[in-house]
Amino acid sequence: SDVYKRQSHNIRVFEEALRGSLFERIARAVRDVGDERLKRNYDTTFWYPNDAEPRNAAELVIDELIKLADPPAECIGTEWWLGRLGYGEKLPLHFDRDLTRSRKFGEHVYPICGSVYYLNNFPWSPTVILGQVPGADPRTKVPGKPEFRESIDAVANRYAVFPGNLRHGVTPTPESVRQSQEINEDNQLPRVRLCLLVNYWHCRPMAPICRDYDGSIYESLRLKEFERPDRSPAADAKAHR
């Protein structure tokens, strides 16, 4: 799709972003991940350079999503990770940044673009994007009062792209928070909000948080081609420089 649902404040929302077969492939693979590293979602990110071959279903999808995101020429690659939140759970408002660099050196570097690709319908927990950027550090918000507030519902195969320095998070509806304690195994509602998060970067975020994908984590995403006997470790290393 190259048609926006909306375009405002440099936020673009694409409906039916990927063809059905590719969407179904990544949605199934992420469901199969289950609760692996569930509590470390946001400290488990992977680097995918623009000139590399995809090693997993997520990177296969990114090869298509980047055509919609259309990042500027200084983008050298993407950082991706899985977003998994239970019914009624929130992701506090924050600024994406190179977490390792911030924690080790106190340097705050932000992606060019942030984006969310939704893998299931989860209307109780929209993505909220605020018109605030970081000041001297991520704790300082400029302006103090947001200039705007955009709310994007989680709809399967929807793709949202926004400036990488905007404050954002996931804010469950009051009803979902109230009902979250009442969900049981017989409930037909999906229990986990699933999405693929992709940041577009002008420089590689630092290890150990942002790592190369080697198949040892989230094995269900791994492409069979990645295990080809004719693919040497040296070739892989070269591809991911």
C-alpha atoms as a PDB file:
ATOM      1  CA  SER A   1       0.000   0.000   0.000  1.00  0.00           C
ATOM      2  CA  ASP A   2       1.168   3.543  -0.713  1.00  0.00           C
ATOM      3  CA  VAL A   3      -1.984   5.216   0.562  1.00  0.00           C
ATOM      4  CA  TYR A   4      -1.963   6.851   3.983  1.00  0.00           C
ATOM      5  CA  LYS A   5      -4.754   6.553   6.482  1.00  0.00           C
ATOM      6  CA  ARG A   6      -3.538   9.876   7.782  1.00  0.00           C
ATOM      7  CA  GLN A   7      -0.563  12.138   7.431  1.00  0.00           C
ATOM      8  CA  SER A   8      -0.120  14.803  10.055  1.00  0.00           C
ATOM      9  CA  HIS A   9       2.824  16.142  12.037  1.00  0.00           C
ATOM     10  CA  ASN A  10       5.079  13.970   9.825  1.00  0.00           C
ATOM     11  CA  ILE A  11       3.283  10.864  11.114  1.00  0.00           C
ATOM     12  CA  ARG A  12       2.274   8.480   8.334  1.00  0.00           C
ATOM     13  CA  VAL A  13      -0.058   5.528   8.720  1.00  0.00           C
ATOM     14  CA  PHE A  14      -0.311   2.861   6.013  1.00  0.00           C
ATOM     15  CA  GLU A  15      -3.194   0.404   5.838  1.00  0.00           C
ATOM     16  CA  GLU A  16      -2.684  -3.144   4.501  1.00  0.00           C
ATOM     17  CA  ALA A  17       1.010  -2.378   4.410  1.00  0.00           C
ATOM     18  CA  LEU A  18       2.163  -5.815   3.241  1.00  0.00           C
ATOM     19  CA  ARG A  19       0.722  -8.466   0.953  1.00  0.00           C
ATOM     20  CA  GLY A  20      -1.222 -11.120   2.834  1.00  0.00           C
ATOM     21  CA  SER A  21       1.276 -13.969   2.611  1.00  0.00           C
ATOM     22  CA  LEU A  22       4.146 -11.945   4.057  1.00  0.00           C
ATOM     23  CA  PHE A  23       1.972 -10.527   6.828  1.00  0.00           C
ATOM     24  CA  GLU A  24       0.781 -14.004   7.760  1.00  0.00           C
ATOM     25  CA  ARG A  25       4.353 -15.298   7.805  1.00  0.00           C
ATOM     26  CA  ILE A  26       5.675 -12.698  10.260  1.00  0.00           C
ATOM     27  CA  ALA A  27       2.540 -12.790  12.427  1.00  0.00           C
ATOM     28  CA  ARG A  28       2.776 -16.573  12.762  1.00  0.00           C
ATOM     29  CA  ALA A  29       6.527 -16.469  13.472  1.00  0.00           C
ATOM     30  CA  VAL A  30       6.113 -13.876  16.232  1.00  0.00           C
ATOM     31  CA  ARG A  31       3.230 -15.818  17.792  1.00  0.00           C
ATOM     32  CA  ASP A  32       5.503 -18.865  17.807  1.00  0.00           C
ATOM     33  CA  VAL A  33       8.094 -16.910  19.806  1.00  0.00           C
ATOM     34  CA  GLY A  34       5.670 -17.188  22.714  1.00  0.00           C
ATOM     35  CA  ASP A  35       6.952 -15.656  25.939  1.00  0.00           C
ATOM     36  CA  GLU A  36      10.667 -15.951  25.124  1.00  0.00           C
ATOM     37  CA  ARG A  37      12.442 -12.926  26.654  1.00  0.00           C
ATOM     38  CA  LEU A  38       9.018 -11.386  27.224  1.00  0.00           C
ATOM     39  CA  LYS A  39      10.247  -9.239  30.115  1.00  0.00           C
ATOM     40  CA  ARG A  40      13.264  -8.098  28.078  1.00  0.00           C
ATOM     41  CA  ASN A  41      11.446  -7.074  24.892  1.00  0.00           C
ATOM     42  CA  TYR A  42      12.916  -3.627  24.783  1.00  0.00           C
ATOM     43  CA  ASP A  43      16.459  -4.607  25.780  1.00  0.00           C
ATOM     44  CA  THR A  44      16.643  -7.212  23.000  1.00  0.00           C
ATOM     45  CA  THR A  45      17.137  -5.413  19.695  1.00  0.00           C
ATOM     46  CA  PHE A  46      18.840  -6.422  16.465  1.00  0.00           C
ATOM     47  CA  TRP A  47      20.830  -4.568  13.817  1.00  0.00           C
ATOM     48  CA  TYR A  48      20.028  -4.997  10.129  1.00  0.00           C
ATOM     49  CA  PRO A  49      22.306  -3.040   7.763  1.00  0.00           C
ATOM     50  CA  ASN A  50      20.854  -1.797   4.497  1.00  0.00           C
ATOM     51  CA  ASP A  51      23.304  -3.860   2.442  1.00  0.00           C
ATOM     52  CA  ALA A  52      22.743  -7.184   4.246  1.00  0.00           C
ATOM     53  CA  GLU A  53      20.618 -10.167   3.272  1.00  0.00           C
ATOM     54  CA  PRO A  54      17.678 -10.975   5.577  1.00  0.00           C
ATOM     55  CA  ARG A  55      18.350 -13.677   8.159  1.00  0.00           C
ATOM     56  CA  ASN A  56      14.876 -13.906   9.620  1.00  0.00           C
ATOM     57  CA  ALA A  57      11.229 -13.143   8.948  1.00  0.00           C
ATOM     58  CA  ALA A  58      11.478  -9.728  10.623  1.00  0.00           C
ATOM     59  CA  GLU A  59      14.247  -8.606   8.278  1.00  0.00           C
ATOM     60  CA  LEU A  60      12.357 -10.002   5.306  1.00  0.00           C
ATOM     61  CA  VAL A  61       9.463  -7.752   6.310  1.00  0.00           C
ATOM     62  CA  ILE A  62      11.749  -4.755   6.861  1.00  0.00           C
ATOM     63  CA  ASP A  63      12.921  -5.032   3.239  1.00  0.00           C
ATOM     64  CA  GLU A  64       9.319  -4.173   2.293  1.00  0.00           C
ATOM     65  CA  LEU A  65       8.500  -1.718   5.085  1.00  0.00           C
ATOM     66  CA  ILE A  66      11.520   0.450   4.279  1.00  0.00           C
ATOM     67  CA  LYS A  67       9.953   1.203   0.897  1.00  0.00           C
ATOM     68  CA  LEU A  68       7.005   2.775   2.710  1.00  0.00           C
ATOM     69  CA  ALA A  69       9.062   4.484   5.408  1.00  0.00           C
ATOM     70  CA  ASP A  70      11.361   5.976   2.760  1.00  0.00           C
ATOM     71  CA  PRO A  71      14.013   7.170   5.252  1.00  0.00           C
ATOM     72  CA  PRO A  72      16.515   9.843   4.179  1.00  0.00           C
ATOM     73  CA  ALA A  73      19.789   8.955   2.478  1.00  0.00           C
ATOM     74  CA  GLU A  74      21.801   9.046   5.707  1.00  0.00           C
ATOM     75  CA  CYS A  75      19.966   5.934   6.957  1.00  0.00           C
ATOM     76  CA  ILE A  76      22.483   3.057   7.027  1.00  0.00           C
ATOM     77  CA  GLY A  77      20.313   0.385   8.624  1.00  0.00           C
ATOM     78  CA  THR A  78      17.523  -0.524  10.990  1.00  0.00           C
ATOM     79  CA  GLU A  79      17.200  -1.626  14.584  1.00  0.00           C
ATOM     80  CA  TRP A  80      14.286  -3.963  15.195  1.00  0.00           C
ATOM     81  CA  TRP A  81      12.678  -5.702  18.131  1.00  0.00           C
ATOM     82  CA  LEU A  82       9.415  -7.324  19.172  1.00  0.00           C
ATOM     83  CA  GLY A  83       6.695  -5.472  21.016  1.00  0.00           C
ATOM     84  CA  ARG A  84       4.534  -7.719  23.195  1.00  0.00           C
ATOM     85  CA  LEU A  85       2.158  -6.284  25.782  1.00  0.00           C
ATOM     86  CA  GLY A  86      -0.582  -8.062  27.682  1.00  0.00           C
ATOM     87  CA  TYR A  87      -4.162  -6.870  27.879  1.00  0.00           C
ATOM     88  CA  GLY A  88      -4.240  -3.752  30.046  1.00  0.00           C
ATOM     89  CA  GLU A  89      -0.439  -3.335  30.096  1.00  0.00           C
ATOM     90  CA  LYS A  90       1.123  -0.011  29.168  1.00  0.00           C
ATOM     91  CA  LEU A  91       4.429   1.107  27.721  1.00  0.00           C
ATOM     92  CA  PRO A  92       5.319   4.372  29.489  1.00  0.00           C
ATOM     93  CA  LEU A  93       5.834   7.443  27.336  1.00  0.00           C
ATOM     94  CA  HIS A  94       9.484   7.694  26.330  1.00  0.00           C
ATOM     95  CA  PHE A  95      12.034   8.727  23.711  1.00  0.00           C
ATOM     96  CA  ASP A  96      13.751   5.997  21.686  1.00  0.00           C
ATOM     97  CA  ARG A  97      17.542   6.296  21.762  1.00  0.00           C
ATOM     98  CA  ASP A  98      20.755   4.303  21.698  1.00  0.00           C
ATOM     99  CA  LEU A  99      20.263   2.844  25.171  1.00  0.00           C
ATOM    100  CA  THR A 100      23.771   1.446  25.615  1.00  0.00           C
ATOM    101  CA  ARG A 101      25.384   4.739  24.613  1.00  0.00           C
ATOM    102  CA  SER A 102      23.118   6.643  26.994  1.00  0.00           C
ATOM    103  CA  ARG A 103      23.796   4.312  29.918  1.00  0.00           C
ATOM    104  CA  LYS A 104      27.551   3.974  29.409  1.00  0.00           C
ATOM    105  CA  PHE A 105      28.561   7.423  28.238  1.00  0.00           C
ATOM    106  CA  GLY A 106      25.628   9.731  28.945  1.00  0.00           C
ATOM    107  CA  GLU A 107      25.406  10.527  25.225  1.00  0.00           C
ATOM    108  CA  HIS A 108      21.907  10.714  23.834  1.00  0.00           C
ATOM    109  CA  VAL A 109      21.494   9.766  20.174  1.00  0.00           C
ATOM    110  CA  TYR A 110      18.076   9.319  18.591  1.00  0.00           C
ATOM    111  CA  PRO A 111      16.944   7.442  15.463  1.00  0.00           C
ATOM    112  CA  ILE A 112      15.963   9.229  12.258  1.00  0.00           C
ATOM    113  CA  CYS A 113      12.545   7.569  12.192  1.00  0.00           C
ATOM    114  CA  GLY A 114      10.598   5.295  14.489  1.00  0.00           C
ATOM    115  CA  SER A 115       7.920   2.909  13.302  1.00  0.00           C
ATOM    116  CA  VAL A 116       5.439   0.286  14.448  1.00  0.00           C
ATOM    117  CA  TYR A 117       4.114  -2.591  12.345  1.00  0.00           C
ATOM    118  CA  TYR A 118       1.049  -4.143  13.992  1.00  0.00           C
ATOM    119  CA  LEU A 119       0.613  -7.920  13.859  1.00  0.00           C
ATOM    120  CA  ASN A 120      -2.834  -8.280  15.410  1.00  0.00           C
ATOM    121  CA  ASN A 121      -5.931  -6.264  16.228  1.00  0.00           C
ATOM    122  CA  PHE A 122      -5.677  -4.843  19.733  1.00  0.00           C
ATOM    123  CA  PRO A 123      -7.854  -1.713  19.861  1.00  0.00           C
ATOM    124  CA  TRP A 124      -7.678  -1.469  23.638  1.00  0.00           C
ATOM    125  CA  SER A 125      -4.018  -0.341  23.569  1.00  0.00           C
ATOM    126  CA  PRO A 126      -3.307   2.423  21.023  1.00  0.00           C
ATOM    127  CA  THR A 127       0.109   3.895  20.307  1.00  0.00           C
ATOM    128  CA  VAL A 128       0.217   7.488  21.529  1.00  0.00           C
ATOM    129  CA  ILE A 129       2.633   9.956  19.897  1.00  0.00           C
ATOM    130  CA  LEU A 130       3.135  13.365  21.459  1.00  0.00           C
ATOM    131  CA  GLY A 131       4.457  16.615  20.007  1.00  0.00           C
ATOM    132  CA  GLN A 132       7.479  16.687  22.316  1.00  0.00           C
ATOM    133  CA  VAL A 133      11.195  16.177  21.597  1.00  0.00           C
ATOM    134  CA  PRO A 134      14.087  15.701  24.036  1.00  0.00           C
ATOM    135  CA  GLY A 135      15.867  18.667  25.514  1.00  0.00           C
ATOM    136  CA  ALA A 136      19.411  18.289  26.852  1.00  0.00           C
ATOM    137  CA  ASP A 137      18.589  14.704  27.857  1.00  0.00           C
ATOM    138  CA  PRO A 138      15.679  12.244  27.534  1.00  0.00           C
ATOM    139  CA  ARG A 139      14.221  13.377  30.860  1.00  0.00           C
ATOM    140  CA  THR A 140      13.695  16.900  29.509  1.00  0.00           C
ATOM    141  CA  LYS A 141      10.700  17.384  27.242  1.00  0.00           C
ATOM    142  CA  VAL A 142      10.379  20.284  24.806  1.00  0.00           C
ATOM    143  CA  PRO A 143       7.925  21.939  24.877  1.00  0.00           C
ATOM    144  CA  GLY A 144       6.752  21.214  28.398  1.00  0.00           C
ATOM    145  CA  LYS A 145       3.196  20.800  27.161  1.00  0.00           C
ATOM    146  CA  PRO A 146       2.836  18.652  24.012  1.00  0.00           C
ATOM    147  CA  GLU A 147       1.957  20.536  20.839  1.00  0.00           C
ATOM    148  CA  PHE A 148      -0.184  17.632  19.658  1.00  0.00           C
ATOM    149  CA  ARG A 149      -1.319  14.136  20.588  1.00  0.00           C
ATOM    150  CA  GLU A 150      -1.873  11.423  17.972  1.00  0.00           C
ATOM    151  CA  SER A 151      -3.477   8.105  18.895  1.00  0.00           C
ATOM    152  CA  ILE A 152      -3.038   5.143  16.533  1.00  0.00           C
ATOM    153  CA  ASP A 153      -5.048   1.982  17.117  1.00  0.00           C
ATOM    154  CA  ALA A 154      -3.315  -1.381  16.807  1.00  0.00           C
ATOM    155  CA  VAL A 155      -4.793  -2.849  13.606  1.00  0.00           C
ATOM    156  CA  ALA A 156      -3.290  -5.920  11.951  1.00  0.00           C
ATOM    157  CA  ASN A 157      -1.093  -5.091   8.934  1.00  0.00           C
ATOM    158  CA  ARG A 158      -1.112  -1.359   9.729  1.00  0.00           C
ATOM    159  CA  TYR A 159       2.240   0.456   9.649  1.00  0.00           C
ATOM    160  CA  ALA A 160       2.913   3.753  11.424  1.00  0.00           C
ATOM    161  CA  VAL A 161       6.042   5.835  10.773  1.00  0.00           C
ATOM    162  CA  PHE A 162       7.011   8.936  12.769  1.00  0.00           C
ATOM    163  CA  PRO A 163      10.015  11.194  13.483  1.00  0.00           C
ATOM    164  CA  GLY A 164      12.479   9.303  15.668  1.00  0.00           C
ATOM    165  CA  ASN A 165      12.780  11.974  18.341  1.00  0.00           C
ATOM    166  CA  LEU A 166       9.080  12.200  19.235  1.00  0.00           C
ATOM    167  CA  ARG A 167       7.849  11.065  22.633  1.00  0.00           C
ATOM    168  CA  HIS A 168       5.568   8.048  22.430  1.00  0.00           C
ATOM    169  CA  GLY A 169       4.242   5.010  24.262  1.00  0.00           C
ATOM    170  CA  VAL A 170       1.285   2.655  24.580  1.00  0.00           C
ATOM    171  CA  THR A 171      -1.659   3.800  26.665  1.00  0.00           C
ATOM    172  CA  PRO A 172      -4.390   1.221  27.338  1.00  0.00           C
ATOM    173  CA  THR A 173      -7.966   2.408  27.452  1.00  0.00           C
ATOM    174  CA  PRO A 174      -9.502   2.674  30.945  1.00  0.00           C
ATOM    175  CA  GLU A 175     -11.847  -0.184  30.075  1.00  0.00           C
ATOM    176  CA  SER A 176      -8.977  -2.527  29.202  1.00  0.00           C
ATOM    177  CA  VAL A 177      -7.191  -1.720  32.443  1.00  0.00           C
ATOM    178  CA  ARG A 178     -10.361  -2.432  34.403  1.00  0.00           C
ATOM    179  CA  GLN A 179     -11.035  -5.690  32.587  1.00  0.00           C
ATOM    180  CA  SER A 180      -7.454  -6.944  32.517  1.00  0.00           C
ATOM    181  CA  GLN A 181      -7.914  -8.615  35.881  1.00  0.00           C
ATOM    182  CA  GLU A 182     -11.001 -10.444  34.638  1.00  0.00           C
ATOM    183  CA  ILE A 183      -9.459 -12.196  31.610  1.00  0.00           C
ATOM    184  CA  ASN A 184      -9.275 -15.947  31.886  1.00  0.00           C
ATOM    185  CA  GLU A 185      -8.410 -18.845  29.618  1.00  0.00           C
ATOM    186  CA  ASP A 186     -11.962 -19.031  28.232  1.00  0.00           C
ATOM    187  CA  ASN A 187     -11.945 -15.433  27.026  1.00  0.00           C
ATOM    188  CA  GLN A 188     -11.876 -15.057  23.246  1.00  0.00           C
ATOM    189  CA  LEU A 189      -9.971 -11.761  23.260  1.00  0.00           C
ATOM    190  CA  PRO A 190      -6.315 -11.907  22.188  1.00  0.00           C
ATOM    191  CA  ARG A 191      -4.190 -11.803  25.304  1.00  0.00           C
ATOM    192  CA  VAL A 192      -1.068 -10.166  23.883  1.00  0.00           C
ATOM    193  CA  ARG A 193      -0.608  -7.128  21.644  1.00  0.00           C
ATOM    194  CA  LEU A 194       1.973  -8.070  18.997  1.00  0.00           C
ATOM    195  CA  CYS A 195       3.993  -5.743  16.824  1.00  0.00           C
ATOM    196  CA  LEU A 196       7.343  -5.395  15.098  1.00  0.00           C
ATOM    197  CA  LEU A 197       9.159  -2.196  16.013  1.00  0.00           C
ATOM    198  CA  VAL A 198      11.663  -0.732  13.560  1.00  0.00           C
ATOM    199  CA  ASN A 199      13.920   2.284  14.028  1.00  0.00           C
ATOM    200  CA  TYR A 200      15.832   3.774  11.104  1.00  0.00           C
ATOM    201  CA  TRP A 201      19.352   4.936  11.997  1.00  0.00           C
ATOM    202  CA  HIS A 202      22.203   7.077  10.681  1.00  0.00           C
ATOM    203  CA  CYS A 203      24.619   5.177  12.960  1.00  0.00           C
ATOM    204  CA  ARG A 204      24.542   1.731  14.521  1.00  0.00           C
ATOM    205  CA  PRO A 205      23.248   1.570  18.114  1.00  0.00           C
ATOM    206  CA  MET A 206      25.799   0.023  20.438  1.00  0.00           C
ATOM    207  CA  ALA A 207      26.012  -3.539  21.743  1.00  0.00           C
ATOM    208  CA  PRO A 208      25.129  -5.395  23.894  1.00  0.00           C
ATOM    209  CA  ILE A 209      21.507  -4.215  23.641  1.00  0.00           C
ATOM    210  CA  CYS A 210      21.563  -3.937  19.845  1.00  0.00           C
ATOM    211  CA  ARG A 211      23.095  -7.147  18.501  1.00  0.00           C
ATOM    212  CA  ASP A 212      23.414  -9.168  15.286  1.00  0.00           C
ATOM    213  CA  TYR A 213      20.804 -11.853  14.773  1.00  0.00           C
ATOM    214  CA  ASP A 214      22.401 -15.324  14.869  1.00  0.00           C
ATOM    215  CA  GLY A 215      19.297 -17.458  15.406  1.00  0.00           C
ATOM    216  CA  SER A 216      19.994 -18.228  19.062  1.00  0.00           C
ATOM    217  CA  ILE A 217      17.231 -15.797  20.136  1.00  0.00           C
ATOM    218  CA  TYR A 218      13.731 -15.933  18.611  1.00  0.00           C
ATOM    219  CA  GLU A 219      14.578 -19.050  16.623  1.00  0.00           C
ATOM    220  CA  SER A 220      11.049 -19.216  15.186  1.00  0.00           C
ATOM    221  CA  LEU A 221      11.870 -16.109  13.130  1.00  0.00           C
ATOM    222  CA  ARG A 222      14.915 -17.706  11.546  1.00  0.00           C
ATOM    223  CA  LEU A 223      14.900 -18.233   7.778  1.00  0.00           C
ATOM    224  CA  LYS A 224      15.798 -21.695   6.523  1.00  0.00           C
ATOM    225  CA  GLU A 225      18.068 -20.053   3.939  1.00  0.00           C
ATOM    226  CA  PHE A 226      20.162 -18.730   6.831  1.00  0.00           C
ATOM    227  CA  GLU A 227      21.291 -22.318   7.463  1.00  0.00           C
ATOM    228  CA  ARG A 228      22.439 -22.965   3.881  1.00  0.00           C
ATOM    229  CA  PRO A 229      25.664 -25.023   3.920  1.00  0.00           C
ATOM    230  CA  ASP A 230      27.133 -22.812   1.181  1.00  0.00           C
ATOM    231  CA  ARG A 231      26.814 -19.735   3.364  1.00  0.00           C
ATOM    232  CA  SER A 232      30.104 -19.285   5.193  1.00  0.00           C
ATOM    233  CA  PRO A 233      30.505 -17.469   8.536  1.00  0.00           C
ATOM    234  CA  ALA A 234      32.982 -15.140   6.821  1.00  0.00           C
ATOM    235  CA  ALA A 235      30.396 -14.173   4.229  1.00  0.00           C
ATOM    236  CA  ASP A 236      27.863 -13.509   6.942  1.00  0.00           C
ATOM    237  CA  ALA A 237      30.317 -11.384   8.873  1.00  0.00           C
ATOM    238  CA  LYS A 238      31.077  -9.351   5.769  1.00  0.00           C
ATOM    239  CA  ALA A 239      27.408  -8.829   5.047  1.00  0.00           C
ATOM    240  CA  HIS A 240      26.787  -7.461   8.538  1.00  0.00           C
ATOM    241  CA  ARG A 241      29.650  -4.990   8.812  1.00  0.00           C
END
